[in-house]
Amino acid sequence: PRINPGTDEFDYMGGNSGWPLETTPSATYSWSDTVSYTSGKNTLRFGGEFRYGHVDYFRATEGRGRVDFSDLTDFIAGDPHRWEFLYGNPGRHLTMNSFGFFAQDGYRITPRLTLNLGLRWDVTFPIKDSNNELANFIPTLPNGRPGGIVQVGDGISQPYDTNWADLSPRFGFAYDIFGSGRTILQIGRAHV
């Protein structure tokens, strides 16, 4: 364990109490595609992506133990003011999926001015653990009973709800200041 005798001159013995720390293996896979179509003054683009991510997470904070003393006298007397030790399994096998779709139109109003309009829809599903060892603070359970810290699989099926209404509109324009195609002023706004 890590032992702190409580003085600046004689700080921690026993190494780092937070080891081992592992966040491997981890990976994120992403598949995406975009299609463009130009017709007259419109340049239309459509696309989407799917992401899958996972990580094997092992953070044993205070896993080796920690003992703190107020001062060197308490250390010699064996009188700690705080001790910590991790109980249980700190390992997690986490996954998370998401997808998104977008559509946009670049409309050429004049040879020097283009208006850009678009809309993106993203859905990120709640994080999952292979052993349902995640929890969240929920003031009131779905059945109306008082909540608190609730573990997935014991009153809830996921730590938080999926947001199906994540729409992000985009608006912008591009202006060719001198008409040469070399100096363009672009202004855009998006709600994320």
Protein backbone atom coordinates (compact mmCIF):
# COMPACT_ATOMS: atom_id res chain seq x y z
CA PRO A 1 0.00 0.00 0.00
CA ARG A 2 0.92 3.65 -0.26
CA ILE A 3 1.70 5.10 3.17
CA ASN A 4 1.85 8.83 3.92
CA PRO A 5 3.53 9.61 7.27
CA GLY A 6 2.11 13.14 7.06
CA THR A 7 5.18 15.33 6.54
CA ASP A 8 6.64 17.08 3.52
CA GLU A 9 10.15 15.82 4.28
CA PHE A 10 9.09 12.18 4.39
CA ASP A 11 6.34 11.79 1.82
CA TYR A 12 4.71 8.60 0.52
CA MET A 13 6.19 5.13 0.90
CA GLY A 14 5.11 2.04 -1.01
CA GLY A 15 4.63 3.40 -4.50
CA ASN A 16 1.54 4.54 -6.35
CA SER A 17 -1.69 3.28 -4.82
CA GLY A 18 -3.55 3.77 -8.10
CA TRP A 19 -1.76 1.10 -10.09
CA PRO A 20 -2.37 -0.88 -12.16
CA LEU A 21 -3.94 1.41 -14.75
CA GLU A 22 -4.87 -0.10 -18.08
CA THR A 23 -7.08 1.21 -20.85
CA THR A 24 -6.19 -1.32 -23.49
CA PRO A 25 -7.02 -2.71 -25.85
CA SER A 26 -9.18 0.05 -27.24
CA ALA A 27 -10.43 0.66 -30.76
CA THR A 28 -12.89 2.77 -32.68
CA TYR A 29 -14.15 1.61 -36.05
CA SER A 30 -15.82 4.07 -38.38
CA TRP A 31 -17.60 3.47 -41.67
CA SER A 32 -18.76 6.47 -43.70
CA ASP A 33 -19.73 7.47 -47.20
CA THR A 34 -20.75 10.65 -49.02
CA VAL A 35 -22.52 11.14 -52.33
CA SER A 36 -22.42 14.41 -54.27
CA TYR A 37 -24.72 15.46 -57.09
CA THR A 38 -24.56 18.72 -59.07
CA SER A 39 -27.52 19.97 -61.05
CA GLY A 40 -27.78 23.53 -62.31
CA LYS A 41 -27.01 25.94 -59.46
CA ASN A 42 -27.28 23.22 -56.77
CA THR A 43 -24.54 21.01 -55.39
CA LEU A 44 -26.21 18.41 -53.19
CA ARG A 45 -24.30 16.20 -50.75
CA PHE A 46 -25.69 13.31 -48.70
CA GLY A 47 -23.86 11.01 -46.39
CA GLY A 48 -23.65 9.09 -43.19
CA GLU A 49 -21.41 7.21 -40.83
CA PHE A 50 -21.51 4.44 -38.27
CA ARG A 51 -19.06 4.22 -35.37
CA TYR A 52 -18.33 1.32 -33.04
CA GLY A 53 -15.94 1.76 -30.15
CA HIS A 54 -14.76 -0.50 -27.35
CA VAL A 55 -12.24 -0.44 -24.54
CA ASP A 56 -11.16 -2.86 -21.84
CA TYR A 57 -10.81 -0.55 -18.88
CA PHE A 58 -9.02 -1.40 -15.65
CA ARG A 59 -8.47 1.45 -13.18
CA ALA A 60 -7.70 0.18 -9.71
CA THR A 61 -7.60 3.51 -7.87
CA GLU A 62 -6.49 2.71 -4.33
CA GLY A 63 -6.33 -0.94 -5.50
CA ARG A 64 -3.12 -1.50 -3.58
CA GLY A 65 -4.40 0.44 -0.59
CA ARG A 66 -3.58 3.81 0.93
CA VAL A 67 -2.92 4.80 4.54
CA ASP A 68 -2.59 8.48 5.56
CA PHE A 69 -1.35 9.80 8.91
CA SER A 70 -1.74 13.35 10.21
CA ASP A 71 1.92 13.63 11.18
CA LEU A 72 5.03 11.61 11.93
CA THR A 73 3.98 11.12 15.58
CA ASP A 74 0.71 9.46 14.50
CA PHE A 75 2.69 7.36 12.01
CA ILE A 76 5.04 6.06 14.75
CA ALA A 77 2.04 5.41 17.04
CA GLY A 78 0.20 3.57 14.22
CA ASP A 79 -2.80 5.93 14.40
CA PRO A 80 -3.99 6.66 10.83
CA HIS A 81 -6.53 9.40 10.14
CA ARG A 82 -7.64 7.85 6.82
CA TRP A 83 -7.24 4.59 4.95
CA GLU A 84 -8.64 3.42 1.64
CA PHE A 85 -8.76 0.12 -0.17
CA LEU A 86 -10.58 -0.84 -3.35
CA TYR A 87 -13.03 -3.72 -3.04
CA GLY A 88 -14.64 -5.51 -5.98
CA ASN A 89 -13.69 -5.81 -9.62
CA PRO A 90 -12.51 -2.55 -11.24
CA GLY A 91 -12.41 -4.07 -14.74
CA ARG A 92 -14.92 -2.88 -17.34
CA HIS A 93 -15.49 -4.02 -20.91
CA LEU A 94 -17.15 -1.00 -22.50
CA THR A 95 -18.74 -0.49 -25.92
CA MET A 96 -20.50 2.44 -27.54
CA ASN A 97 -22.15 2.82 -30.95
CA SER A 98 -23.34 5.85 -32.86
CA PHE A 99 -24.50 6.86 -36.31
CA GLY A 100 -25.17 10.06 -38.20
CA PHE A 101 -26.66 11.25 -41.47
CA PHE A 102 -26.42 14.59 -43.23
CA ALA A 103 -27.77 16.45 -46.25
CA GLN A 104 -26.59 19.80 -47.56
CA ASP A 105 -27.07 22.04 -50.55
CA GLY A 106 -24.64 24.59 -51.94
CA TYR A 107 -26.84 26.93 -54.01
CA ARG A 108 -24.99 29.37 -56.32
CA ILE A 109 -27.08 32.56 -56.16
CA THR A 110 -24.68 34.53 -58.39
CA PRO A 111 -21.33 33.55 -59.91
CA ARG A 112 -19.65 35.09 -56.82
CA LEU A 113 -22.11 34.19 -54.02
CA THR A 114 -23.00 30.67 -52.84
CA LEU A 115 -25.51 29.88 -50.08
CA ASN A 116 -24.91 26.72 -48.03
CA LEU A 117 -27.74 25.00 -46.12
CA GLY A 118 -27.56 21.67 -44.34
CA LEU A 119 -28.94 19.40 -41.67
CA ARG A 120 -27.20 16.67 -39.68
CA TRP A 121 -28.82 14.01 -37.47
CA ASP A 122 -26.69 12.14 -34.94
CA VAL A 123 -27.62 9.36 -32.54
CA THR A 124 -25.21 8.12 -29.87
CA PHE A 125 -26.37 5.08 -27.95
CA PRO A 126 -25.62 4.78 -24.23
CA ILE A 127 -22.35 3.27 -23.13
CA LYS A 128 -22.60 -0.45 -22.30
CA ASP A 129 -20.60 -2.77 -20.10
CA SER A 130 -20.53 -6.50 -20.77
CA ASN A 131 -21.35 -7.28 -17.11
CA ASN A 132 -23.84 -4.43 -16.46
CA GLU A 133 -21.43 -2.85 -13.99
CA LEU A 134 -22.35 0.75 -14.82
CA ALA A 135 -24.55 2.99 -12.72
CA ASN A 136 -26.07 6.45 -12.78
CA PHE A 137 -27.81 8.79 -10.36
CA ILE A 138 -31.51 8.77 -11.19
CA PRO A 139 -33.72 10.85 -8.83
CA THR A 140 -36.91 8.96 -9.73
CA LEU A 141 -37.10 5.50 -11.28
CA PRO A 142 -39.28 4.88 -14.36
CA ASN A 143 -41.83 3.11 -12.12
CA GLY A 144 -42.20 6.27 -10.00
CA ARG A 145 -40.28 4.97 -6.98
CA PRO A 146 -37.50 7.09 -5.45
CA GLY A 147 -34.19 6.51 -7.17
CA GLY A 148 -30.59 7.24 -6.26
CA ILE A 149 -27.48 5.55 -7.60
CA VAL A 150 -28.93 2.75 -9.68
CA GLN A 151 -26.96 -0.02 -11.40
CA VAL A 152 -27.80 -1.09 -14.93
CA GLY A 153 -29.80 -4.31 -14.75
CA ASP A 154 -31.29 -3.36 -11.37
CA GLY A 155 -34.13 -0.98 -12.15
CA ILE A 156 -32.70 0.53 -15.35
CA SER A 157 -31.65 -1.05 -18.65
CA GLN A 158 -29.08 1.62 -19.57
CA PRO A 159 -27.34 4.46 -17.70
CA TYR A 160 -29.14 7.20 -19.67
CA ASP A 161 -31.68 7.50 -22.48
CA THR A 162 -30.78 7.66 -26.16
CA ASN A 163 -31.25 11.15 -27.62
CA TRP A 164 -33.11 10.60 -30.88
CA ALA A 165 -33.66 14.34 -31.49
CA ASP A 166 -30.06 15.52 -32.03
CA LEU A 167 -30.58 17.63 -35.16
CA SER A 168 -27.92 20.14 -36.17
CA PRO A 169 -28.88 22.74 -38.79
CA ARG A 170 -26.12 24.50 -40.74
CA PHE A 171 -26.17 27.80 -42.60
CA GLY A 172 -23.45 29.69 -44.41
CA PHE A 173 -22.32 31.49 -47.49
CA ALA A 174 -19.19 31.92 -49.56
CA TYR A 175 -18.42 35.16 -51.42
CA ASP A 176 -15.70 35.58 -54.05
CA ILE A 177 -14.55 39.08 -53.11
CA PHE A 178 -12.68 40.04 -56.32
CA GLY A 179 -14.32 37.57 -58.69
CA SER A 180 -10.99 35.83 -59.34
CA GLY A 181 -11.62 32.69 -57.27
CA ARG A 182 -8.49 33.43 -55.19
CA THR A 183 -9.94 35.39 -52.24
CA ILE A 184 -13.09 33.89 -50.74
CA LEU A 185 -14.96 35.13 -47.68
CA GLN A 186 -16.76 32.26 -45.94
CA ILE A 187 -19.14 32.65 -43.02
CA GLY A 188 -21.06 29.81 -41.45
CA ARG A 189 -23.12 28.92 -38.43
CA ALA A 190 -24.11 25.54 -37.05
CA HIS A 191 -26.12 24.44 -34.05
CA VAL A 192 -24.34 21.51 -32.46
